Amino acid sequence: MSKERVDFFMNTEFNQGPEGLTLISIGMVDASGNEFYAVSNAFHPEECNRYVQRKVLPRLGSSPPISPDEIKLGIAQFIGKTRPAFWGYCPSFDWVLISTLWQGLGNLPSKWPKYSLCLRQLALDHNVPSSAMPPKPGKPHYALEDAHWCRECHGVLMNRLGRDQILPRRSDTDF
Protein backbone atom coordinates (compact mmCIF):
# COMPACT_ATOMS: atom_id res chain seq x y z
CA MET A 1 0.00 0.00 0.00
CA SER A 2 1.42 3.32 -1.05
CA LYS A 3 1.61 6.01 1.64
CA GLU A 4 1.79 8.70 -1.02
CA ARG A 5 -1.47 10.11 -2.21
CA VAL A 6 -2.23 9.35 -5.88
CA ASP A 7 -4.43 11.77 -7.80
CA PHE A 8 -7.38 10.45 -9.81
CA PHE A 9 -9.61 12.65 -11.94
CA MET A 10 -13.22 11.74 -12.47
CA ASN A 11 -16.36 12.66 -14.30
CA THR A 12 -19.73 11.00 -14.65
CA GLU A 13 -22.68 11.40 -16.92
CA PHE A 14 -26.04 10.75 -15.34
CA ASN A 15 -29.75 11.29 -15.61
CA GLN A 16 -31.59 13.19 -12.93
CA GLY A 17 -35.21 12.22 -12.73
CA PRO A 18 -37.99 11.83 -10.19
CA GLU A 19 -36.29 8.75 -8.74
CA GLY A 20 -32.96 10.56 -8.22
CA LEU A 21 -29.65 10.18 -10.03
CA THR A 22 -28.93 7.32 -12.42
CA LEU A 23 -25.37 6.64 -13.55
CA ILE A 24 -24.93 6.52 -17.32
CA SER A 25 -21.15 6.55 -17.71
CA ILE A 26 -17.98 7.22 -15.76
CA GLY A 27 -14.52 8.29 -16.82
CA MET A 28 -11.44 8.26 -14.59
CA VAL A 29 -7.87 9.21 -15.36
CA ASP A 30 -4.86 8.85 -13.07
CA ALA A 31 -1.99 11.31 -12.78
CA SER A 32 -0.05 9.44 -15.49
CA GLY A 33 -2.94 9.54 -17.97
CA ASN A 34 -4.08 5.92 -17.58
CA GLU A 35 -7.81 5.61 -18.19
CA PHE A 36 -10.90 3.82 -16.97
CA TYR A 37 -14.19 4.27 -18.80
CA ALA A 38 -17.47 2.42 -18.44
CA VAL A 39 -21.05 2.75 -19.59
CA SER A 40 -23.71 1.41 -17.25
CA ASN A 41 -26.38 -1.06 -18.33
CA ALA A 42 -28.62 0.01 -15.43
CA PHE A 43 -30.18 3.06 -17.07
CA HIS A 44 -32.97 3.20 -19.61
CA PRO A 45 -32.35 5.66 -22.47
CA GLU A 46 -36.06 6.20 -23.02
CA GLU A 47 -36.43 7.37 -19.40
CA CYS A 48 -33.67 9.98 -19.67
CA ASN A 49 -34.64 13.63 -19.83
CA ARG A 50 -34.47 15.37 -23.20
CA TYR A 51 -31.19 17.12 -22.42
CA VAL A 52 -29.46 13.82 -21.65
CA GLN A 53 -30.99 12.21 -24.73
CA ARG A 54 -29.67 15.02 -26.96
CA LYS A 55 -26.31 15.85 -25.32
CA VAL A 56 -25.07 12.74 -23.49
CA LEU A 57 -26.39 9.55 -25.06
CA PRO A 58 -25.00 10.26 -28.57
CA ARG A 59 -21.50 10.64 -27.05
CA LEU A 60 -21.29 7.37 -25.14
CA GLY A 61 -19.07 5.74 -27.72
CA SER A 62 -18.83 2.07 -28.49
CA SER A 63 -18.01 0.65 -25.05
CA PRO A 64 -20.42 -2.19 -24.29
CA PRO A 65 -22.59 -1.38 -21.27
CA ILE A 66 -21.75 -3.26 -18.07
CA SER A 67 -23.47 -3.74 -14.72
CA PRO A 68 -22.91 -1.41 -11.76
CA ASP A 69 -21.11 -4.28 -9.98
CA GLU A 70 -18.73 -4.62 -12.94
CA ILE A 71 -18.16 -0.84 -12.91
CA LYS A 72 -17.40 -1.02 -9.18
CA LEU A 73 -14.93 -3.85 -9.75
CA GLY A 74 -13.33 -1.97 -12.66
CA ILE A 75 -12.88 1.17 -10.56
CA ALA A 76 -11.43 -0.82 -7.66
CA GLN A 77 -8.94 -2.50 -10.00
CA PHE A 78 -8.05 0.82 -11.63
CA ILE A 79 -7.40 2.52 -8.27
CA GLY A 80 -5.57 -0.55 -6.97
CA LYS A 81 -3.91 -0.39 -3.58
CA THR A 82 -3.11 3.30 -3.82
CA ARG A 83 -4.13 5.97 -1.37
CA PRO A 84 -6.32 7.95 -3.78
CA ALA A 85 -7.39 11.57 -3.92
CA PHE A 86 -10.44 11.99 -6.15
CA TRP A 87 -10.65 15.24 -8.09
CA GLY A 88 -13.43 16.61 -10.24
CA TYR A 89 -14.87 19.87 -11.49
CA CYS A 90 -17.92 20.46 -9.26
CA PRO A 91 -17.82 16.72 -8.39
CA SER A 92 -20.62 16.45 -5.84
CA PHE A 93 -22.94 14.34 -7.99
CA ASP A 94 -19.97 12.37 -9.36
CA TRP A 95 -18.92 11.41 -5.84
CA VAL A 96 -22.47 10.49 -4.81
CA LEU A 97 -22.76 8.21 -7.85
CA ILE A 98 -19.38 6.57 -7.21
CA SER A 99 -20.06 6.01 -3.51
CA THR A 100 -23.48 4.59 -4.39
CA LEU A 101 -21.71 1.79 -6.29
CA TRP A 102 -20.36 0.76 -2.86
CA GLN A 103 -23.78 1.22 -1.22
CA GLY A 104 -22.62 4.41 0.53
CA LEU A 105 -19.56 6.18 1.90
CA GLY A 106 -19.21 3.79 4.84
CA ASN A 107 -18.54 0.89 2.47
CA LEU A 108 -15.81 2.49 0.37
CA PRO A 109 -12.41 0.76 0.52
CA SER A 110 -10.70 1.60 3.82
CA LYS A 111 -7.86 3.67 2.32
CA TRP A 112 -10.23 5.81 0.27
CA PRO A 113 -11.30 9.24 1.50
CA LYS A 114 -14.94 9.85 2.24
CA TYR A 115 -14.91 13.02 0.15
CA SER A 116 -13.86 14.28 -3.25
CA LEU A 117 -11.85 17.40 -4.07
CA CYS A 118 -13.22 20.20 -6.22
CA LEU A 119 -11.01 21.88 -8.82
CA ARG A 120 -13.51 24.69 -9.31
CA GLN A 121 -13.53 25.50 -5.60
CA LEU A 122 -9.75 25.40 -5.43
CA ALA A 123 -9.51 27.85 -8.32
CA LEU A 124 -12.06 30.16 -6.70
CA ASP A 125 -10.34 29.99 -3.30
CA HIS A 126 -7.06 31.11 -4.88
CA ASN A 127 -8.53 33.67 -7.30
CA VAL A 128 -7.47 31.69 -10.35
CA PRO A 129 -9.57 33.01 -13.24
CA SER A 130 -11.35 30.61 -15.55
CA SER A 131 -9.30 32.11 -18.39
CA ALA A 132 -6.21 30.49 -16.82
CA MET A 133 -7.73 27.03 -17.19
CA PRO A 134 -7.38 24.89 -20.31
CA PRO A 135 -10.13 25.13 -22.92
CA LYS A 136 -13.09 22.87 -22.21
CA PRO A 137 -13.21 19.58 -24.11
CA GLY A 138 -14.27 19.62 -27.72
CA LYS A 139 -16.65 16.75 -26.98
CA PRO A 140 -18.47 17.82 -23.78
CA HIS A 141 -20.56 15.33 -21.86
CA TYR A 142 -18.22 12.47 -22.66
CA ALA A 143 -17.09 11.40 -19.19
CA LEU A 144 -13.62 10.22 -20.18
CA GLU A 145 -12.72 13.39 -22.06
CA ASP A 146 -14.08 15.49 -19.20
CA ALA A 147 -11.92 13.50 -16.73
CA HIS A 148 -8.87 14.26 -18.88
CA TRP A 149 -9.84 17.93 -18.80
CA CYS A 150 -9.96 17.75 -14.97
CA ARG A 151 -6.42 16.35 -15.03
CA GLU A 152 -5.32 19.28 -17.22
CA CYS A 153 -6.99 21.78 -14.86
CA HIS A 154 -5.23 20.16 -11.91
CA GLY A 155 -1.91 20.56 -13.73
CA VAL A 156 -2.58 24.26 -14.27
CA LEU A 157 -3.45 24.73 -10.61
CA MET A 158 -0.40 22.77 -9.44
CA ASN A 159 1.90 24.87 -11.62
CA ARG A 160 0.28 28.08 -10.46
CA LEU A 161 -0.16 27.33 -6.75
CA GLY A 162 2.26 24.54 -5.86
CA ARG A 163 1.32 21.13 -4.47
CA ASP A 164 1.32 22.33 -0.83
CA GLN A 165 -1.54 24.69 -1.63
CA ILE A 166 -3.55 22.05 -3.43
CA LEU A 167 -3.65 19.09 -1.06
CA PRO A 168 -5.71 19.34 2.10
CA ARG A 169 -3.60 19.65 5.23
CA ARG A 170 -5.89 17.40 7.25
CA SER A 171 -5.80 13.65 7.42
CA ASP A 172 -8.20 11.53 5.36
CA THR A 173 -9.55 10.17 8.63
CA ASP A 174 -10.67 13.61 9.87
CA PHE A 175 -14.12 13.10 8.37
C-alpha atoms as a PDB file:
ATOM      1  CA  MET A   1       0.000   0.000   0.000  1.00  0.00           C
ATOM      2  CA  SER A   2       1.416   3.321  -1.048  1.00  0.00           C
ATOM      3  CA  LYS A   3       1.609   6.005   1.642  1.00  0.00           C
ATOM      4  CA  GLU A   4       1.787   8.696  -1.017  1.00  0.00           C
ATOM      5  CA  ARG A   5      -1.469  10.107  -2.213  1.00  0.00           C
ATOM      6  CA  VAL A   6      -2.234   9.348  -5.877  1.00  0.00           C
ATOM      7  CA  ASP A   7      -4.435  11.774  -7.798  1.00  0.00           C
ATOM      8  CA  PHE A   8      -7.376  10.454  -9.814  1.00  0.00           C
ATOM      9  CA  PHE A   9      -9.609  12.654 -11.939  1.00  0.00           C
ATOM     10  CA  MET A  10     -13.221  11.738 -12.471  1.00  0.00           C
ATOM     11  CA  ASN A  11     -16.361  12.662 -14.297  1.00  0.00           C
ATOM     12  CA  THR A  12     -19.728  10.997 -14.645  1.00  0.00           C
ATOM     13  CA  GLU A  13     -22.679  11.404 -16.921  1.00  0.00           C
ATOM     14  CA  PHE A  14     -26.041  10.755 -15.343  1.00  0.00           C
ATOM     15  CA  ASN A  15     -29.748  11.295 -15.614  1.00  0.00           C
ATOM     16  CA  GLN A  16     -31.588  13.191 -12.928  1.00  0.00           C
ATOM     17  CA  GLY A  17     -35.211  12.221 -12.732  1.00  0.00           C
ATOM     18  CA  PRO A  18     -37.991  11.825 -10.195  1.00  0.00           C
ATOM     19  CA  GLU A  19     -36.287   8.751  -8.741  1.00  0.00           C
ATOM     20  CA  GLY A  20     -32.962  10.565  -8.218  1.00  0.00           C
ATOM     21  CA  LEU A  21     -29.652  10.185 -10.029  1.00  0.00           C
ATOM     22  CA  THR A  22     -28.932   7.315 -12.417  1.00  0.00           C
ATOM     23  CA  LEU A  23     -25.368   6.642 -13.549  1.00  0.00           C
ATOM     24  CA  ILE A  24     -24.930   6.522 -17.315  1.00  0.00           C
ATOM     25  CA  SER A  25     -21.145   6.545 -17.706  1.00  0.00           C
ATOM     26  CA  ILE A  26     -17.982   7.216 -15.760  1.00  0.00           C
ATOM     27  CA  GLY A  27     -14.523   8.288 -16.816  1.00  0.00           C
ATOM     28  CA  MET A  28     -11.439   8.263 -14.590  1.00  0.00           C
ATOM     29  CA  VAL A  29      -7.870   9.212 -15.363  1.00  0.00           C
ATOM     30  CA  ASP A  30      -4.862   8.853 -13.074  1.00  0.00           C
ATOM     31  CA  ALA A  31      -1.992  11.308 -12.775  1.00  0.00           C
ATOM     32  CA  SER A  32      -0.047   9.439 -15.490  1.00  0.00           C
ATOM     33  CA  GLY A  33      -2.940   9.538 -17.969  1.00  0.00           C
ATOM     34  CA  ASN A  34      -4.079   5.923 -17.582  1.00  0.00           C
ATOM     35  CA  GLU A  35      -7.815   5.608 -18.193  1.00  0.00           C
ATOM     36  CA  PHE A  36     -10.901   3.820 -16.966  1.00  0.00           C
ATOM     37  CA  TYR A  37     -14.194   4.269 -18.801  1.00  0.00           C
ATOM     38  CA  ALA A  38     -17.468   2.424 -18.443  1.00  0.00           C
ATOM     39  CA  VAL A  39     -21.054   2.748 -19.593  1.00  0.00           C
ATOM     40  CA  SER A  40     -23.714   1.405 -17.247  1.00  0.00           C
ATOM     41  CA  ASN A  41     -26.385  -1.058 -18.335  1.00  0.00           C
ATOM     42  CA  ALA A  42     -28.618   0.012 -15.433  1.00  0.00           C
ATOM     43  CA  PHE A  43     -30.182   3.057 -17.072  1.00  0.00           C
ATOM     44  CA  HIS A  44     -32.971   3.203 -19.606  1.00  0.00           C
ATOM     45  CA  PRO A  45     -32.354   5.663 -22.467  1.00  0.00           C
ATOM     46  CA  GLU A  46     -36.059   6.202 -23.022  1.00  0.00           C
ATOM     47  CA  GLU A  47     -36.428   7.370 -19.399  1.00  0.00           C
ATOM     48  CA  CYS A  48     -33.666   9.983 -19.671  1.00  0.00           C
ATOM     49  CA  ASN A  49     -34.637  13.626 -19.833  1.00  0.00           C
ATOM     50  CA  ARG A  50     -34.469  15.374 -23.200  1.00  0.00           C
ATOM     51  CA  TYR A  51     -31.191  17.125 -22.416  1.00  0.00           C
ATOM     52  CA  VAL A  52     -29.457  13.818 -21.651  1.00  0.00           C
ATOM     53  CA  GLN A  53     -30.991  12.209 -24.725  1.00  0.00           C
ATOM     54  CA  ARG A  54     -29.666  15.020 -26.962  1.00  0.00           C
ATOM     55  CA  LYS A  55     -26.311  15.846 -25.320  1.00  0.00           C
ATOM     56  CA  VAL A  56     -25.067  12.743 -23.488  1.00  0.00           C
ATOM     57  CA  LEU A  57     -26.387   9.551 -25.063  1.00  0.00           C
ATOM     58  CA  PRO A  58     -25.002  10.265 -28.565  1.00  0.00           C
ATOM     59  CA  ARG A  59     -21.503  10.637 -27.052  1.00  0.00           C
ATOM     60  CA  LEU A  60     -21.291   7.371 -25.135  1.00  0.00           C
ATOM     61  CA  GLY A  61     -19.071   5.745 -27.720  1.00  0.00           C
ATOM     62  CA  SER A  62     -18.831   2.066 -28.495  1.00  0.00           C
ATOM     63  CA  SER A  63     -18.012   0.648 -25.053  1.00  0.00           C
ATOM     64  CA  PRO A  64     -20.415  -2.193 -24.293  1.00  0.00           C
ATOM     65  CA  PRO A  65     -22.589  -1.384 -21.269  1.00  0.00           C
ATOM     66  CA  ILE A  66     -21.755  -3.262 -18.074  1.00  0.00           C
ATOM     67  CA  SER A  67     -23.472  -3.737 -14.725  1.00  0.00           C
ATOM     68  CA  PRO A  68     -22.915  -1.410 -11.756  1.00  0.00           C
ATOM     69  CA  ASP A  69     -21.109  -4.280  -9.982  1.00  0.00           C
ATOM     70  CA  GLU A  70     -18.735  -4.618 -12.944  1.00  0.00           C
ATOM     71  CA  ILE A  71     -18.162  -0.845 -12.906  1.00  0.00           C
ATOM     72  CA  LYS A  72     -17.399  -1.015  -9.184  1.00  0.00           C
ATOM     73  CA  LEU A  73     -14.926  -3.847  -9.755  1.00  0.00           C
ATOM     74  CA  GLY A  74     -13.329  -1.970 -12.662  1.00  0.00           C
ATOM     75  CA  ILE A  75     -12.880   1.170 -10.559  1.00  0.00           C
ATOM     76  CA  ALA A  76     -11.429  -0.819  -7.657  1.00  0.00           C
ATOM     77  CA  GLN A  77      -8.939  -2.500 -10.001  1.00  0.00           C
ATOM     78  CA  PHE A  78      -8.054   0.825 -11.632  1.00  0.00           C
ATOM     79  CA  ILE A  79      -7.398   2.517  -8.266  1.00  0.00           C
ATOM     80  CA  GLY A  80      -5.572  -0.555  -6.974  1.00  0.00           C
ATOM     81  CA  LYS A  81      -3.905  -0.386  -3.580  1.00  0.00           C
ATOM     82  CA  THR A  82      -3.108   3.298  -3.823  1.00  0.00           C
ATOM     83  CA  ARG A  83      -4.127   5.973  -1.367  1.00  0.00           C
ATOM     84  CA  PRO A  84      -6.315   7.948  -3.780  1.00  0.00           C
ATOM     85  CA  ALA A  85      -7.392  11.568  -3.917  1.00  0.00           C
ATOM     86  CA  PHE A  86     -10.444  11.987  -6.154  1.00  0.00           C
ATOM     87  CA  TRP A  87     -10.653  15.244  -8.090  1.00  0.00           C
ATOM     88  CA  GLY A  88     -13.434  16.612 -10.236  1.00  0.00           C
ATOM     89  CA  TYR A  89     -14.866  19.865 -11.486  1.00  0.00           C
ATOM     90  CA  CYS A  90     -17.919  20.455  -9.263  1.00  0.00           C
ATOM     91  CA  PRO A  91     -17.821  16.717  -8.395  1.00  0.00           C
ATOM     92  CA  SER A  92     -20.623  16.454  -5.835  1.00  0.00           C
ATOM     93  CA  PHE A  93     -22.939  14.343  -7.988  1.00  0.00           C
ATOM     94  CA  ASP A  94     -19.972  12.373  -9.361  1.00  0.00           C
ATOM     95  CA  TRP A  95     -18.925  11.413  -5.841  1.00  0.00           C
ATOM     96  CA  VAL A  96     -22.470  10.486  -4.814  1.00  0.00           C
ATOM     97  CA  LEU A  97     -22.763   8.211  -7.849  1.00  0.00           C
ATOM     98  CA  ILE A  98     -19.381   6.572  -7.214  1.00  0.00           C
ATOM     99  CA  SER A  99     -20.060   6.011  -3.506  1.00  0.00           C
ATOM    100  CA  THR A 100     -23.479   4.588  -4.394  1.00  0.00           C
ATOM    101  CA  LEU A 101     -21.714   1.793  -6.295  1.00  0.00           C
ATOM    102  CA  TRP A 102     -20.361   0.761  -2.860  1.00  0.00           C
ATOM    103  CA  GLN A 103     -23.780   1.225  -1.220  1.00  0.00           C
ATOM    104  CA  GLY A 104     -22.618   4.415   0.531  1.00  0.00           C
ATOM    105  CA  LEU A 105     -19.563   6.177   1.902  1.00  0.00           C
ATOM    106  CA  GLY A 106     -19.210   3.790   4.841  1.00  0.00           C
ATOM    107  CA  ASN A 107     -18.544   0.893   2.474  1.00  0.00           C
ATOM    108  CA  LEU A 108     -15.812   2.490   0.366  1.00  0.00           C
ATOM    109  CA  PRO A 109     -12.413   0.757   0.522  1.00  0.00           C
ATOM    110  CA  SER A 110     -10.702   1.600   3.815  1.00  0.00           C
ATOM    111  CA  LYS A 111      -7.863   3.674   2.315  1.00  0.00           C
ATOM    112  CA  TRP A 112     -10.233   5.810   0.274  1.00  0.00           C
ATOM    113  CA  PRO A 113     -11.296   9.240   1.500  1.00  0.00           C
ATOM    114  CA  LYS A 114     -14.943   9.848   2.237  1.00  0.00           C
ATOM    115  CA  TYR A 115     -14.906  13.021   0.148  1.00  0.00           C
ATOM    116  CA  SER A 116     -13.856  14.282  -3.246  1.00  0.00           C
ATOM    117  CA  LEU A 117     -11.853  17.398  -4.065  1.00  0.00           C
ATOM    118  CA  CYS A 118     -13.218  20.203  -6.223  1.00  0.00           C
ATOM    119  CA  LEU A 119     -11.015  21.880  -8.820  1.00  0.00           C
ATOM    120  CA  ARG A 120     -13.510  24.692  -9.313  1.00  0.00           C
ATOM    121  CA  GLN A 121     -13.534  25.496  -5.595  1.00  0.00           C
ATOM    122  CA  LEU A 122      -9.750  25.400  -5.435  1.00  0.00           C
ATOM    123  CA  ALA A 123      -9.513  27.852  -8.322  1.00  0.00           C
ATOM    124  CA  LEU A 124     -12.057  30.162  -6.702  1.00  0.00           C
ATOM    125  CA  ASP A 125     -10.338  29.991  -3.299  1.00  0.00           C
ATOM    126  CA  HIS A 126      -7.061  31.113  -4.882  1.00  0.00           C
ATOM    127  CA  ASN A 127      -8.529  33.668  -7.302  1.00  0.00           C
ATOM    128  CA  VAL A 128      -7.473  31.692 -10.350  1.00  0.00           C
ATOM    129  CA  PRO A 129      -9.565  33.013 -13.244  1.00  0.00           C
ATOM    130  CA  SER A 130     -11.348  30.609 -15.545  1.00  0.00           C
ATOM    131  CA  SER A 131      -9.297  32.109 -18.391  1.00  0.00           C
ATOM    132  CA  ALA A 132      -6.208  30.494 -16.816  1.00  0.00           C
ATOM    133  CA  MET A 133      -7.731  27.034 -17.189  1.00  0.00           C
ATOM    134  CA  PRO A 134      -7.377  24.889 -20.313  1.00  0.00           C
ATOM    135  CA  PRO A 135     -10.127  25.126 -22.922  1.00  0.00           C
ATOM    136  CA  LYS A 136     -13.086  22.870 -22.207  1.00  0.00           C
ATOM    137  CA  PRO A 137     -13.207  19.582 -24.114  1.00  0.00           C
ATOM    138  CA  GLY A 138     -14.268  19.617 -27.718  1.00  0.00           C
ATOM    139  CA  LYS A 139     -16.653  16.748 -26.980  1.00  0.00           C
ATOM    140  CA  PRO A 140     -18.467  17.820 -23.780  1.00  0.00           C
ATOM    141  CA  HIS A 141     -20.565  15.328 -21.863  1.00  0.00           C
ATOM    142  CA  TYR A 142     -18.216  12.470 -22.656  1.00  0.00           C
ATOM    143  CA  ALA A 143     -17.090  11.397 -19.190  1.00  0.00           C
ATOM    144  CA  LEU A 144     -13.618  10.224 -20.180  1.00  0.00           C
ATOM    145  CA  GLU A 145     -12.724  13.388 -22.065  1.00  0.00           C
ATOM    146  CA  ASP A 146     -14.080  15.492 -19.202  1.00  0.00           C
ATOM    147  CA  ALA A 147     -11.925  13.496 -16.732  1.00  0.00           C
ATOM    148  CA  HIS A 148      -8.869  14.256 -18.879  1.00  0.00           C
ATOM    149  CA  TRP A 149      -9.836  17.929 -18.796  1.00  0.00           C
ATOM    150  CA  CYS A 150      -9.961  17.753 -14.973  1.00  0.00           C
ATOM    151  CA  ARG A 151      -6.418  16.355 -15.030  1.00  0.00           C
ATOM    152  CA  GLU A 152      -5.319  19.278 -17.220  1.00  0.00           C
ATOM    153  CA  CYS A 153      -6.991  21.780 -14.860  1.00  0.00           C
ATOM    154  CA  HIS A 154      -5.232  20.165 -11.911  1.00  0.00           C
ATOM    155  CA  GLY A 155      -1.907  20.560 -13.730  1.00  0.00           C
ATOM    156  CA  VAL A 156      -2.577  24.261 -14.274  1.00  0.00           C
ATOM    157  CA  LEU A 157      -3.445  24.731 -10.609  1.00  0.00           C
ATOM    158  CA  MET A 158      -0.395  22.766  -9.436  1.00  0.00           C
ATOM    159  CA  ASN A 159       1.897  24.869 -11.622  1.00  0.00           C
ATOM    160  CA  ARG A 160       0.283  28.081 -10.456  1.00  0.00           C
ATOM    161  CA  LEU A 161      -0.161  27.331  -6.753  1.00  0.00           C
ATOM    162  CA  GLY A 162       2.257  24.536  -5.865  1.00  0.00           C
ATOM    163  CA  ARG A 163       1.324  21.134  -4.467  1.00  0.00           C
ATOM    164  CA  ASP A 164       1.320  22.329  -0.832  1.00  0.00           C
ATOM    165  CA  GLN A 165      -1.543  24.690  -1.627  1.00  0.00           C
ATOM    166  CA  ILE A 166      -3.548  22.045  -3.429  1.00  0.00           C
ATOM    167  CA  LEU A 167      -3.650  19.087  -1.065  1.00  0.00           C
ATOM    168  CA  PRO A 168      -5.712  19.343   2.104  1.00  0.00           C
ATOM    169  CA  ARG A 169      -3.604  19.648   5.232  1.00  0.00           C
ATOM    170  CA  ARG A 170      -5.893  17.400   7.250  1.00  0.00           C
ATOM    171  CA  SER A 171      -5.803  13.651   7.421  1.00  0.00           C
ATOM    172  CA  ASP A 172      -8.198  11.531   5.363  1.00  0.00           C
ATOM    173  CA  THR A 173      -9.547  10.168   8.629  1.00  0.00           C
ATOM    174  CA  ASP A 174     -10.671  13.607   9.872  1.00  0.00           C
ATOM    175  CA  PHE A 175     -14.122  13.103   8.375  1.00  0.00           C
END
